[in-house]
Amino acid sequence: MTIWIDRPLWGQAKTLYLRAHPGHEVAMVEWVEAAINSYLDHRSAVISTPMGDDGHITTISITPRTRQRIIDTVEDHSLRGHGISRSAVIAAALRRAVAEAGGSSVPVYTGRLPRGRRPQP
């Protein structure tokens, strides 16, 4: 799934991922998917469309079940007269994860993550 995501938010998500999985036993996209599902399991508010110019396009691989949950959430909002995107759903999930971890005190990771999982000894 290709999404537009705010750079600072994505950097904070990387920081949270590295805190949760310093050995990279779980891939970043798996951590993001878990954050999305946790958010959708406990969502109680209308999702807003993210604002800002400091964003980029990235591709994440998620399971068909999670992809469908995101699409269903977008459709649910449209039936209520609120136009949102798949990117908005994912950004809302990541914003909640960052807020629960300390909000603006979560540093923005600026490096590159290693590709894939690290081999386990």
PDB file of N, CA and C in Angstrom:
ATOM      1  N   MET A   1       0.859  -1.159   0.000  1.00  0.00           N
ATOM      2  CA  MET A   1       0.000   0.000   0.000  1.00  0.00           C
ATOM      3  C   MET A   1       0.910   1.226   0.000  1.00  0.00           C
ATOM      4  N   THR A   2       0.661   2.144  -0.910  1.00  0.00           N
ATOM      5  CA  THR A   2       1.425   3.381  -0.985  1.00  0.00           C
ATOM      6  C   THR A   2       0.676   4.454  -0.201  1.00  0.00           C
ATOM      7  N   ILE A   3       1.412   5.156   0.679  1.00  0.00           N
ATOM      8  CA  ILE A   3       0.796   6.177   1.525  1.00  0.00           C
ATOM      9  C   ILE A   3       1.633   7.450   1.514  1.00  0.00           C
ATOM     10  N   TRP A   4       0.988   8.558   1.852  1.00  0.00           N
ATOM     11  CA  TRP A   4       1.683   9.815   2.108  1.00  0.00           C
ATOM     12  C   TRP A   4       1.720   9.972   3.616  1.00  0.00           C
ATOM     13  N   ILE A   5       2.925  10.234   4.149  1.00  0.00           N
ATOM     14  CA  ILE A   5       3.068  10.333   5.593  1.00  0.00           C
ATOM     15  C   ILE A   5       3.960  11.524   5.944  1.00  0.00           C
ATOM     16  N   ASP A   6       3.604  12.188   7.008  1.00  0.00           N
ATOM     17  CA  ASP A   6       4.361  13.315   7.519  1.00  0.00           C
ATOM     18  C   ASP A   6       5.756  12.841   7.950  1.00  0.00           C
ATOM     19  N   ARG A   7       6.807  13.504   7.501  1.00  0.00           N
ATOM     20  CA  ARG A   7       8.180  13.063   7.813  1.00  0.00           C
ATOM     21  C   ARG A   7       8.473  13.011   9.313  1.00  0.00           C
ATOM     22  N   PRO A   8       8.142  14.068  10.072  1.00  0.00           N
ATOM     23  CA  PRO A   8       8.409  13.983  11.515  1.00  0.00           C
ATOM     24  C   PRO A   8       7.651  12.826  12.182  1.00  0.00           C
ATOM     25  N   LEU A   9       6.404  12.601  11.794  1.00  0.00           N
ATOM     26  CA  LEU A   9       5.634  11.496  12.365  1.00  0.00           C
ATOM     27  C   LEU A   9       6.271  10.156  12.012  1.00  0.00           C
ATOM     28  N   TRP A  10       6.701   9.996  10.777  1.00  0.00           N
ATOM     29  CA  TRP A  10       7.338   8.753  10.350  1.00  0.00           C
ATOM     30  C   TRP A  10       8.651   8.549  11.112  1.00  0.00           C
ATOM     31  N   GLY A  11       9.397   9.627  11.337  1.00  0.00           N
ATOM     32  CA  GLY A  11      10.630   9.543  12.114  1.00  0.00           C
ATOM     33  C   GLY A  11      10.365   9.140  13.557  1.00  0.00           C
ATOM     34  N   GLN A  12       9.303   9.682  14.146  1.00  0.00           N
ATOM     35  CA  GLN A  12       8.937   9.290  15.511  1.00  0.00           C
ATOM     36  C   GLN A  12       8.493   7.830  15.554  1.00  0.00           C
ATOM     37  N   ALA A  13       7.783   7.394  14.523  1.00  0.00           N
ATOM     38  CA  ALA A  13       7.362   5.985  14.454  1.00  0.00           C
ATOM     39  C   ALA A  13       8.594   5.076  14.395  1.00  0.00           C
ATOM     40  N   LYS A  14       9.611   5.469  13.644  1.00  0.00           N
ATOM     41  CA  LYS A  14      10.849   4.688  13.585  1.00  0.00           C
ATOM     42  C   LYS A  14      11.492   4.611  14.967  1.00  0.00           C
ATOM     43  N   THR A  15      11.491   5.724  15.693  1.00  0.00           N
ATOM     44  CA  THR A  15      12.048   5.729  17.046  1.00  0.00           C
ATOM     45  C   THR A  15      11.305   4.742  17.931  1.00  0.00           C
ATOM     46  N   LEU A  16       9.974   4.764  17.879  1.00  0.00           N
ATOM     47  CA  LEU A  16       9.181   3.839  18.697  1.00  0.00           C
ATOM     48  C   LEU A  16       9.428   2.399  18.291  1.00  0.00           C
ATOM     49  N   TYR A  17       9.548   2.155  17.011  1.00  0.00           N
ATOM     50  CA  TYR A  17       9.847   0.807  16.527  1.00  0.00           C
ATOM     51  C   TYR A  17      11.184   0.328  17.088  1.00  0.00           C
ATOM     52  N   LEU A  18      12.213   1.181  17.009  1.00  0.00           N
ATOM     53  CA  LEU A  18      13.532   0.795  17.503  1.00  0.00           C
ATOM     54  C   LEU A  18      13.533   0.579  19.013  1.00  0.00           C
ATOM     55  N   ARG A  19      12.719   1.348  19.731  1.00  0.00           N
ATOM     56  CA  ARG A  19      12.598   1.134  21.173  1.00  0.00           C
ATOM     57  C   ARG A  19      11.947  -0.217  21.464  1.00  0.00           C
ATOM     58  N   ALA A  20      10.925  -0.544  20.692  1.00  0.00           N
ATOM     59  CA  ALA A  20      10.179  -1.784  20.928  1.00  0.00           C
ATOM     60  C   ALA A  20      10.943  -3.020  20.454  1.00  0.00           C
ATOM     61  N   HIS A  21      11.740  -2.869  19.404  1.00  0.00           N
ATOM     62  CA  HIS A  21      12.419  -4.018  18.793  1.00  0.00           C
ATOM     63  C   HIS A  21      13.862  -3.665  18.439  1.00  0.00           C
ATOM     64  N   PRO A  22      14.702  -3.430  19.450  1.00  0.00           N
ATOM     65  CA  PRO A  22      16.085  -3.032  19.160  1.00  0.00           C
ATOM     66  C   PRO A  22      16.876  -4.086  18.396  1.00  0.00           C
ATOM     67  N   GLY A  23      16.479  -5.332  18.493  1.00  0.00           N
ATOM     68  CA  GLY A  23      17.155  -6.400  17.761  1.00  0.00           C
ATOM     69  C   GLY A  23      16.562  -6.662  16.397  1.00  0.00           C
ATOM     70  N   HIS A  24      15.565  -5.895  16.025  1.00  0.00           N
ATOM     71  CA  HIS A  24      14.870  -6.019  14.731  1.00  0.00           C
ATOM     72  C   HIS A  24      14.271  -7.399  14.525  1.00  0.00           C
ATOM     73  N   GLU A  25      13.821  -8.019  15.628  1.00  0.00           N
ATOM     74  CA  GLU A  25      13.186  -9.326  15.507  1.00  0.00           C
ATOM     75  C   GLU A  25      11.831  -9.233  14.815  1.00  0.00           C
ATOM     76  N   VAL A  26      11.302  -8.045  14.725  1.00  0.00           N
ATOM     77  CA  VAL A  26      10.064  -7.755  14.002  1.00  0.00           C
ATOM     78  C   VAL A  26      10.394  -6.646  13.011  1.00  0.00           C
ATOM     79  N   ALA A  27       9.923  -6.760  11.788  1.00  0.00           N
ATOM     80  CA  ALA A  27      10.174  -5.731  10.782  1.00  0.00           C
ATOM     81  C   ALA A  27       9.346  -4.483  11.077  1.00  0.00           C
ATOM     82  N   MET A  28       9.827  -3.345  10.616  1.00  0.00           N
ATOM     83  CA  MET A  28       9.129  -2.070  10.829  1.00  0.00           C
ATOM     84  C   MET A  28       7.686  -2.150  10.338  1.00  0.00           C
ATOM     85  N   VAL A  29       7.468  -2.735   9.164  1.00  0.00           N
ATOM     86  CA  VAL A  29       6.102  -2.784   8.629  1.00  0.00           C
ATOM     87  C   VAL A  29       5.190  -3.641   9.503  1.00  0.00           C
ATOM     88  N   GLU A  30       5.746  -4.650  10.159  1.00  0.00           N
ATOM     89  CA  GLU A  30       4.939  -5.462  11.070  1.00  0.00           C
ATOM     90  C   GLU A  30       4.554  -4.648  12.303  1.00  0.00           C
ATOM     91  N   TRP A  31       5.485  -3.819  12.777  1.00  0.00           N
ATOM     92  CA  TRP A  31       5.193  -2.945  13.916  1.00  0.00           C
ATOM     93  C   TRP A  31       4.110  -1.932  13.526  1.00  0.00           C
ATOM     94  N   VAL A  32       4.236  -1.350  12.326  1.00  0.00           N
ATOM     95  CA  VAL A  32       3.232  -0.390  11.848  1.00  0.00           C
ATOM     96  C   VAL A  32       1.872  -1.066  11.742  1.00  0.00           C
ATOM     97  N   GLU A  33       1.835  -2.265  11.207  1.00  0.00           N
ATOM     98  CA  GLU A  33       0.565  -2.986  11.081  1.00  0.00           C
ATOM     99  C   GLU A  33      -0.069  -3.240  12.446  1.00  0.00           C
ATOM    100  N   ALA A  34       0.750  -3.599  13.424  1.00  0.00           N
ATOM    101  CA  ALA A  34       0.227  -3.810  14.782  1.00  0.00           C
ATOM    102  C   ALA A  34      -0.337  -2.505  15.343  1.00  0.00           C
ATOM    103  N   ALA A  35       0.338  -1.391  15.082  1.00  0.00           N
ATOM    104  CA  ALA A  35      -0.151  -0.083  15.548  1.00  0.00           C
ATOM    105  C   ALA A  35      -1.486   0.258  14.876  1.00  0.00           C
ATOM    106  N   ILE A  36      -1.611  -0.039  13.597  1.00  0.00           N
ATOM    107  CA  ILE A  36      -2.854   0.223  12.866  1.00  0.00           C
ATOM    108  C   ILE A  36      -3.992  -0.607  13.462  1.00  0.00           C
ATOM    109  N   ASN A  37      -3.760  -1.901  13.642  1.00  0.00           N
ATOM    110  CA  ASN A  37      -4.819  -2.767  14.169  1.00  0.00           C
ATOM    111  C   ASN A  37      -5.209  -2.397  15.589  1.00  0.00           C
ATOM    112  N   SER A  38      -4.233  -2.041  16.409  1.00  0.00           N
ATOM    113  CA  SER A  38      -4.541  -1.595  17.770  1.00  0.00           C
ATOM    114  C   SER A  38      -5.406  -0.344  17.737  1.00  0.00           C
ATOM    115  N   TYR A  39      -5.049   0.578  16.852  1.00  0.00           N
ATOM    116  CA  TYR A  39      -5.815   1.813  16.709  1.00  0.00           C
ATOM    117  C   TYR A  39      -7.242   1.516  16.252  1.00  0.00           C
ATOM    118  N   LEU A  40      -7.381   0.687  15.236  1.00  0.00           N
ATOM    119  CA  LEU A  40      -8.717   0.388  14.710  1.00  0.00           C
ATOM    120  C   LEU A  40      -9.558  -0.391  15.714  1.00  0.00           C
ATOM    121  N   ASP A  41      -8.922  -1.195  16.553  1.00  0.00           N
ATOM    122  CA  ASP A  41      -9.646  -1.934  17.588  1.00  0.00           C
ATOM    123  C   ASP A  41     -10.227  -1.006  18.654  1.00  0.00           C
ATOM    124  N   HIS A  42      -9.582   0.142  18.863  1.00  0.00           N
ATOM    125  CA  HIS A  42      -9.973   1.043  19.948  1.00  0.00           C
ATOM    126  C   HIS A  42     -10.321   2.445  19.457  1.00  0.00           C
ATOM    127  N   ARG A  43     -10.614   2.602  18.183  1.00  0.00           N
ATOM    128  CA  ARG A  43     -10.923   3.920  17.620  1.00  0.00           C
ATOM    129  C   ARG A  43     -12.279   4.382  18.113  1.00  0.00           C
ATOM    130  N   SER A  44     -12.311   5.640  18.574  1.00  0.00           N
ATOM    131  CA  SER A  44     -13.580   6.177  19.055  1.00  0.00           C
ATOM    132  C   SER A  44     -13.922   7.524  18.440  1.00  0.00           C
ATOM    133  N   ALA A  45     -13.000   8.115  17.727  1.00  0.00           N
ATOM    134  CA  ALA A  45     -13.227   9.454  17.192  1.00  0.00           C
ATOM    135  C   ALA A  45     -13.165   9.445  15.664  1.00  0.00           C
ATOM    136  N   VAL A  46     -13.659  10.510  15.094  1.00  0.00           N
ATOM    137  CA  VAL A  46     -13.572  10.705  13.655  1.00  0.00           C
ATOM    138  C   VAL A  46     -12.115  11.008  13.321  1.00  0.00           C
ATOM    139  N   ILE A  47     -11.618  10.429  12.271  1.00  0.00           N
ATOM    140  CA  ILE A  47     -10.238  10.642  11.844  1.00  0.00           C
ATOM    141  C   ILE A  47     -10.167  11.910  11.013  1.00  0.00           C
ATOM    142  N   SER A  48      -9.188  12.740  11.301  1.00  0.00           N
ATOM    143  CA  SER A  48      -9.013  13.966  10.531  1.00  0.00           C
ATOM    144  C   SER A  48      -7.965  13.741   9.451  1.00  0.00           C
ATOM    145  N   THR A  49      -8.039  14.548   8.423  1.00  0.00           N
ATOM    146  CA  THR A  49      -7.064  14.469   7.345  1.00  0.00           C
ATOM    147  C   THR A  49      -5.804  15.195   7.787  1.00  0.00           C
ATOM    148  N   PRO A  50      -4.650  14.530   7.692  1.00  0.00           N
ATOM    149  CA  PRO A  50      -3.418  15.181   8.134  1.00  0.00           C
ATOM    150  C   PRO A  50      -3.081  16.394   7.283  1.00  0.00           C
ATOM    151  N   MET A  51      -2.533  17.404   7.931  1.00  0.00           N
ATOM    152  CA  MET A  51      -2.114  18.618   7.238  1.00  0.00           C
ATOM    153  C   MET A  51      -0.595  18.700   7.304  1.00  0.00           C
ATOM    154  N   GLY A  52      -0.023  19.488   6.419  1.00  0.00           N
ATOM    155  CA  GLY A  52       1.414  19.699   6.446  1.00  0.00           C
ATOM    156  C   GLY A  52       2.030  19.466   5.087  1.00  0.00           C
ATOM    157  N   ASP A  53       3.156  20.109   4.900  1.00  0.00           N
ATOM    158  CA  ASP A  53       3.848  20.006   3.623  1.00  0.00           C
ATOM    159  C   ASP A  53       5.084  19.125   3.707  1.00  0.00           C
ATOM    160  N   ASP A  54       5.518  18.793   4.919  1.00  0.00           N
ATOM    161  CA  ASP A  54       6.748  18.040   5.085  1.00  0.00           C
ATOM    162  C   ASP A  54       6.443  16.553   5.140  1.00  0.00           C
ATOM    163  N   GLY A  55       6.059  16.005   4.012  1.00  0.00           N
ATOM    164  CA  GLY A  55       5.712  14.598   3.955  1.00  0.00           C
ATOM    165  C   GLY A  55       6.409  13.910   2.805  1.00  0.00           C
ATOM    166  N   HIS A  56       6.242  12.620   2.732  1.00  0.00           N
ATOM    167  CA  HIS A  56       6.798  11.854   1.633  1.00  0.00           C
ATOM    168  C   HIS A  56       5.916  10.638   1.373  1.00  0.00           C
ATOM    169  N   ILE A  57       6.131  10.045   0.227  1.00  0.00           N
ATOM    170  CA  ILE A  57       5.384   8.856  -0.148  1.00  0.00           C
ATOM    171  C   ILE A  57       6.239   7.646   0.197  1.00  0.00           C
ATOM    172  N   THR A  58       5.609   6.678   0.824  1.00  0.00           N
ATOM    173  CA  THR A  58       6.296   5.437   1.154  1.00  0.00           C
ATOM    174  C   THR A  58       5.354   4.275   0.894  1.00  0.00           C
ATOM    175  N   THR A  59       5.913   3.114   0.748  1.00  0.00           N
ATOM    176  CA  THR A  59       5.125   1.914   0.519  1.00  0.00           C
ATOM    177  C   THR A  59       5.304   0.979   1.705  1.00  0.00           C
ATOM    178  N   ILE A  60       4.194   0.491   2.233  1.00  0.00           N
ATOM    179  CA  ILE A  60       4.247  -0.484   3.314  1.00  0.00           C
ATOM    180  C   ILE A  60       3.481  -1.728   2.880  1.00  0.00           C
ATOM    181  N   SER A  61       3.967  -2.866   3.302  1.00  0.00           N
ATOM    182  CA  SER A  61       3.304  -4.136   3.005  1.00  0.00           C
ATOM    183  C   SER A  61       2.500  -4.544   4.229  1.00  0.00           C
ATOM    184  N   ILE A  62       1.212  -4.686   4.045  1.00  0.00           N
ATOM    185  CA  ILE A  62       0.343  -5.109   5.138  1.00  0.00           C
ATOM    186  C   ILE A  62      -0.512  -6.278   4.665  1.00  0.00           C
ATOM    187  N   THR A  63      -1.063  -6.989   5.613  1.00  0.00           N
ATOM    188  CA  THR A  63      -1.876  -8.151   5.261  1.00  0.00           C
ATOM    189  C   THR A  63      -3.179  -7.697   4.600  1.00  0.00           C
ATOM    190  N   PRO A  64      -3.776  -8.572   3.810  1.00  0.00           N
ATOM    191  CA  PRO A  64      -5.060  -8.225   3.194  1.00  0.00           C
ATOM    192  C   PRO A  64      -6.137  -7.876   4.231  1.00  0.00           C
ATOM    193  N   ARG A  65      -6.117  -8.539   5.374  1.00  0.00           N
ATOM    194  CA  ARG A  65      -7.111  -8.260   6.427  1.00  0.00           C
ATOM    195  C   ARG A  65      -6.980  -6.818   6.932  1.00  0.00           C
ATOM    196  N   THR A  66      -5.751  -6.384   7.210  1.00  0.00           N
ATOM    197  CA  THR A  66      -5.541  -5.019   7.697  1.00  0.00           C
ATOM    198  C   THR A  66      -5.869  -4.010   6.607  1.00  0.00           C
ATOM    199  N   ARG A  67      -5.485  -4.315   5.377  1.00  0.00           N
ATOM    200  CA  ARG A  67      -5.804  -3.430   4.254  1.00  0.00           C
ATOM    201  C   ARG A  67      -7.327  -3.243   4.159  1.00  0.00           C
ATOM    202  N   GLN A  68      -8.073  -4.335   4.286  1.00  0.00           N
ATOM    203  CA  GLN A  68      -9.528  -4.243   4.209  1.00  0.00           C
ATOM    204  C   GLN A  68     -10.095  -3.438   5.372  1.00  0.00           C
ATOM    205  N   ARG A  69      -9.530  -3.584   6.554  1.00  0.00           N
ATOM    206  CA  ARG A  69      -9.987  -2.803   7.713  1.00  0.00           C
ATOM    207  C   ARG A  69      -9.787  -1.306   7.465  1.00  0.00           C
ATOM    208  N   ILE A  70      -8.661  -0.957   6.846  1.00  0.00           N
ATOM    209  CA  ILE A  70      -8.393   0.449   6.531  1.00  0.00           C
ATOM    210  C   ILE A  70      -9.415   0.942   5.512  1.00  0.00           C
ATOM    211  N   ILE A  71      -9.650   0.167   4.461  1.00  0.00           N
ATOM    212  CA  ILE A  71     -10.619   0.553   3.424  1.00  0.00           C
ATOM    213  C   ILE A  71     -12.018   0.683   4.027  1.00  0.00           C
ATOM    214  N   ASP A  72     -12.397  -0.252   4.901  1.00  0.00           N
ATOM    215  CA  ASP A  72     -13.704  -0.178   5.553  1.00  0.00           C
ATOM    216  C   ASP A  72     -13.830   1.088   6.402  1.00  0.00           C
ATOM    217  N   THR A  73     -12.758   1.484   7.065  1.00  0.00           N
ATOM    218  CA  THR A  73     -12.771   2.707   7.873  1.00  0.00           C
ATOM    219  C   THR A  73     -12.943   3.931   6.985  1.00  0.00           C
ATOM    220  N   VAL A  74     -12.250   3.967   5.856  1.00  0.00           N
ATOM    221  CA  VAL A  74     -12.387   5.076   4.904  1.00  0.00           C
ATOM    222  C   VAL A  74     -13.829   5.141   4.396  1.00  0.00           C
ATOM    223  N   GLU A  75     -14.408   3.992   4.040  1.00  0.00           N
ATOM    224  CA  GLU A  75     -15.789   3.953   3.550  1.00  0.00           C
ATOM    225  C   GLU A  75     -16.771   4.372   4.630  1.00  0.00           C
ATOM    226  N   ASP A  76     -16.557   3.932   5.863  1.00  0.00           N
ATOM    227  CA  ASP A  76     -17.411   4.314   6.985  1.00  0.00           C
ATOM    228  C   ASP A  76     -17.417   5.832   7.156  1.00  0.00           C
ATOM    229  N   HIS A  77     -16.252   6.439   7.083  1.00  0.00           N
ATOM    230  CA  HIS A  77     -16.167   7.896   7.212  1.00  0.00           C
ATOM    231  C   HIS A  77     -16.877   8.594   6.050  1.00  0.00           C
ATOM    232  N   SER A  78     -16.733   8.049   4.846  1.00  0.00           N
ATOM    233  CA  SER A  78     -17.371   8.700   3.695  1.00  0.00           C
ATOM    234  C   SER A  78     -18.893   8.638   3.797  1.00  0.00           C
ATOM    235  N   LEU A  79     -19.415   7.551   4.363  1.00  0.00           N
ATOM    236  CA  LEU A  79     -20.863   7.448   4.556  1.00  0.00           C
ATOM    237  C   LEU A  79     -21.368   8.451   5.587  1.00  0.00           C
ATOM    238  N   ARG A  80     -20.476   8.912   6.449  1.00  0.00           N
ATOM    239  CA  ARG A  80     -20.825   9.932   7.444  1.00  0.00           C
ATOM    240  C   ARG A  80     -20.516  11.345   6.961  1.00  0.00           C
ATOM    241  N   GLY A  81     -20.051  11.457   5.707  1.00  0.00           N
ATOM    242  CA  GLY A  81     -19.762  12.770   5.143  1.00  0.00           C
ATOM    243  C   GLY A  81     -18.379  13.295   5.455  1.00  0.00           C
ATOM    244  N   HIS A  82     -17.470  12.425   5.874  1.00  0.00           N
ATOM    245  CA  HIS A  82     -16.096  12.818   6.175  1.00  0.00           C
ATOM    246  C   HIS A  82     -15.163  12.130   5.200  1.00  0.00           C
ATOM    247  N   GLY A  83     -14.580  12.895   4.301  1.00  0.00           N
ATOM    248  CA  GLY A  83     -13.657  12.310   3.336  1.00  0.00           C
ATOM    249  C   GLY A  83     -12.264  12.177   3.927  1.00  0.00           C
ATOM    250  N   ILE A  84     -11.779  10.949   4.038  1.00  0.00           N
ATOM    251  CA  ILE A  84     -10.416  10.699   4.500  1.00  0.00           C
ATOM    252  C   ILE A  84      -9.749   9.727   3.546  1.00  0.00           C
ATOM    253  N   SER A  85      -8.470   9.558   3.701  1.00  0.00           N
ATOM    254  CA  SER A  85      -7.711   8.635   2.857  1.00  0.00           C
ATOM    255  C   SER A  85      -7.167   7.483   3.691  1.00  0.00           C
ATOM    256  N   ARG A  86      -6.636   6.492   3.011  1.00  0.00           N
ATOM    257  CA  ARG A  86      -5.963   5.397   3.720  1.00  0.00           C
ATOM    258  C   ARG A  86      -4.776   5.937   4.497  1.00  0.00           C
ATOM    259  N   SER A  87      -4.090   6.912   3.905  1.00  0.00           N
ATOM    260  CA  SER A  87      -2.949   7.538   4.586  1.00  0.00           C
ATOM    261  C   SER A  87      -3.378   8.191   5.891  1.00  0.00           C
ATOM    262  N   ALA A  88      -4.561   8.800   5.906  1.00  0.00           N
ATOM    263  CA  ALA A  88      -5.060   9.456   7.118  1.00  0.00           C
ATOM    264  C   ALA A  88      -5.300   8.437   8.230  1.00  0.00           C
ATOM    265  N   VAL A  89      -5.790   7.261   7.868  1.00  0.00           N
ATOM    266  CA  VAL A  89      -6.035   6.214   8.865  1.00  0.00           C
ATOM    267  C   VAL A  89      -4.709   5.763   9.474  1.00  0.00           C
ATOM    268  N   ILE A  90      -3.729   5.529   8.626  1.00  0.00           N
ATOM    269  CA  ILE A  90      -2.421   5.079   9.107  1.00  0.00           C
ATOM    270  C   ILE A  90      -1.756   6.168   9.933  1.00  0.00           C
ATOM    271  N   ALA A  91      -1.842   7.418   9.478  1.00  0.00           N
ATOM    272  CA  ALA A  91      -1.256   8.524  10.240  1.00  0.00           C
ATOM    273  C   ALA A  91      -1.921   8.661  11.605  1.00  0.00           C
ATOM    274  N   ALA A  92      -3.232   8.481  11.670  1.00  0.00           N
ATOM    275  CA  ALA A  92      -3.935   8.565  12.952  1.00  0.00           C
ATOM    276  C   ALA A  92      -3.449   7.472  13.900  1.00  0.00           C
ATOM    277  N   ALA A  93      -3.224   6.282  13.381  1.00  0.00           N
ATOM    278  CA  ALA A  93      -2.720   5.177  14.211  1.00  0.00           C
ATOM    279  C   ALA A  93      -1.327   5.496  14.741  1.00  0.00           C
ATOM    280  N   LEU A  94      -0.480   6.039  13.882  1.00  0.00           N
ATOM    281  CA  LEU A  94       0.877   6.377  14.314  1.00  0.00           C
ATOM    282  C   LEU A  94       0.878   7.558  15.277  1.00  0.00           C
ATOM    283  N   ARG A  95       0.003   8.535  15.047  1.00  0.00           N
ATOM    284  CA  ARG A  95      -0.098   9.674  15.984  1.00  0.00           C
ATOM    285  C   ARG A  95      -0.500   9.181  17.368  1.00  0.00           C
ATOM    286  N   ARG A  96      -1.438   8.226  17.443  1.00  0.00           N
ATOM    287  CA  ARG A  96      -1.840   7.697  18.748  1.00  0.00           C
ATOM    288  C   ARG A  96      -0.666   6.975  19.403  1.00  0.00           C
ATOM    289  N   ALA A  97       0.070   6.165  18.649  1.00  0.00           N
ATOM    290  CA  ALA A  97       1.221   5.453  19.215  1.00  0.00           C
ATOM    291  C   ALA A  97       2.252   6.436  19.762  1.00  0.00           C
ATOM    292  N   VAL A  98       2.491   7.514  19.024  1.00  0.00           N
ATOM    293  CA  VAL A  98       3.447   8.532  19.473  1.00  0.00           C
ATOM    294  C   VAL A  98       2.910   9.237  20.708  1.00  0.00           C
ATOM    295  N   ALA A  99       1.633   9.587  20.702  1.00  0.00           N
ATOM    296  CA  ALA A  99       1.034  10.275  21.856  1.00  0.00           C
ATOM    297  C   ALA A  99       1.128   9.412  23.109  1.00  0.00           C
ATOM    298  N   GLU A 100       0.868   8.127  22.973  1.00  0.00           N
ATOM    299  CA  GLU A 100       0.922   7.219  24.121  1.00  0.00           C
ATOM    300  C   GLU A 100       2.349   7.018  24.624  1.00  0.00           C
ATOM    301  N   ALA A 101       3.339   7.273  23.764  1.00  0.00           N
ATOM    302  CA  ALA A 101       4.740   7.087  24.143  1.00  0.00           C
ATOM    303  C   ALA A 101       5.407   8.368  24.626  1.00  0.00           C
ATOM    304  N   GLY A 102       4.661   9.461  24.671  1.00  0.00           N
ATOM    305  CA  GLY A 102       5.254  10.707  25.158  1.00  0.00           C
ATOM    306  C   GLY A 102       5.051  11.902  24.267  1.00  0.00           C
ATOM    307  N   GLY A 103       4.387  11.714  23.152  1.00  0.00           N
ATOM    308  CA  GLY A 103       4.062  12.841  22.273  1.00  0.00           C
ATOM    309  C   GLY A 103       5.294  13.529  21.709  1.00  0.00           C
ATOM    310  N   SER A 104       5.345  14.840  21.866  1.00  0.00           N
ATOM    311  CA  SER A 104       6.421  15.623  21.261  1.00  0.00           C
ATOM    312  C   SER A 104       7.790  15.316  21.864  1.00  0.00           C
ATOM    313  N   SER A 105       7.822  14.627  23.002  1.00  0.00           N
ATOM    314  CA  SER A 105       9.124  14.264  23.586  1.00  0.00           C
ATOM    315  C   SER A 105       9.765  13.065  22.879  1.00  0.00           C
ATOM    316  N   VAL A 106       9.021  12.396  22.009  1.00  0.00           N
ATOM    317  CA  VAL A 106       9.580  11.278  21.238  1.00  0.00           C
ATOM    318  C   VAL A 106      10.463  11.867  20.140  1.00  0.00           C
ATOM    319  N   PRO A 107      11.760  11.542  20.159  1.00  0.00           N
ATOM    320  CA  PRO A 107      12.650  12.108  19.140  1.00  0.00           C
ATOM    321  C   PRO A 107      12.336  11.580  17.743  1.00  0.00           C
ATOM    322  N   VAL A 108      12.698  12.375  16.756  1.00  0.00           N
ATOM    323  CA  VAL A 108      12.512  12.005  15.357  1.00  0.00           C
ATOM    324  C   VAL A 108      13.784  11.298  14.874  1.00  0.00           C
ATOM    325  N   TYR A 109      13.659  10.022  14.562  1.00  0.00           N
ATOM    326  CA  TYR A 109      14.785   9.253  14.035  1.00  0.00           C
ATOM    327  C   TYR A 109      15.037   9.692  12.608  1.00  0.00           C
ATOM    328  N   THR A 110      16.276  10.035  12.292  1.00  0.00           N
ATOM    329  CA  THR A 110      16.573  10.544  10.955  1.00  0.00           C
ATOM    330  C   THR A 110      17.426   9.598  10.117  1.00  0.00           C
ATOM    331  N   GLY A 111      17.892   8.515  10.715  1.00  0.00           N
ATOM    332  CA  GLY A 111      18.724   7.568   9.973  1.00  0.00           C
ATOM    333  C   GLY A 111      17.900   6.613   9.136  1.00  0.00           C
ATOM    334  N   ARG A 112      18.597   5.717   8.490  1.00  0.00           N
ATOM    335  CA  ARG A 112      17.947   4.664   7.704  1.00  0.00           C
ATOM    336  C   ARG A 112      17.906   3.397   8.529  1.00  0.00           C
ATOM    337  N   LEU A 113      16.790   2.720   8.484  1.00  0.00           N
ATOM    338  CA  LEU A 113      16.677   1.426   9.159  1.00  0.00           C
ATOM    339  C   LEU A 113      17.282   0.353   8.281  1.00  0.00           C
ATOM    340  N   PRO A 114      17.855  -0.681   8.892  1.00  0.00           N
ATOM    341  CA  PRO A 114      18.344  -1.799   8.083  1.00  0.00           C
ATOM    342  C   PRO A 114      17.183  -2.459   7.347  1.00  0.00           C
ATOM    343  N   ARG A 115      17.452  -3.010   6.205  1.00  0.00           N
ATOM    344  CA  ARG A 115      16.411  -3.699   5.450  1.00  0.00           C
ATOM    345  C   ARG A 115      16.103  -5.030   6.101  1.00  0.00           C
ATOM    346  N   GLY A 116      14.806  -5.277   6.282  1.00  0.00           N
ATOM    347  CA  GLY A 116      14.360  -6.567   6.806  1.00  0.00           C
ATOM    348  C   GLY A 116      14.770  -6.829   8.231  1.00  0.00           C
ATOM    349  N   ARG A 117      14.540  -8.058   8.650  1.00  0.00           N
ATOM    350  CA  ARG A 117      14.896  -8.475   9.995  1.00  0.00           C
ATOM    351  C   ARG A 117      16.385  -8.794  10.065  1.00  0.00           C
ATOM    352  N   ARG A 118      16.937  -8.598  11.243  1.00  0.00           N
ATOM    353  CA  ARG A 118      18.321  -9.022  11.456  1.00  0.00           C
ATOM    354  C   ARG A 118      18.322 -10.516  11.743  1.00  0.00           C
ATOM    355  N   PRO A 119      19.319 -11.217  11.268  1.00  0.00           N
ATOM    356  CA  PRO A 119      19.390 -12.657  11.562  1.00  0.00           C
ATOM    357  C   PRO A 119      19.555 -12.879  13.060  1.00  0.00           C
ATOM    358  N   GLN A 120      18.899 -13.886  13.560  1.00  0.00           N
ATOM    359  CA  GLN A 120      18.991 -14.227  14.976  1.00  0.00           C
ATOM    360  C   GLN A 120      20.109 -15.260  15.159  1.00  0.00           C
ATOM    361  N   PRO A 121      20.931 -15.110  16.228  1.00  0.00           N
ATOM    362  CA  PRO A 121      22.038 -16.059  16.448  1.00  0.00           C
ATOM    363  C   PRO A 121      21.533 -17.450  16.765  1.00  0.00           C
TER     364      PRO A 121
END
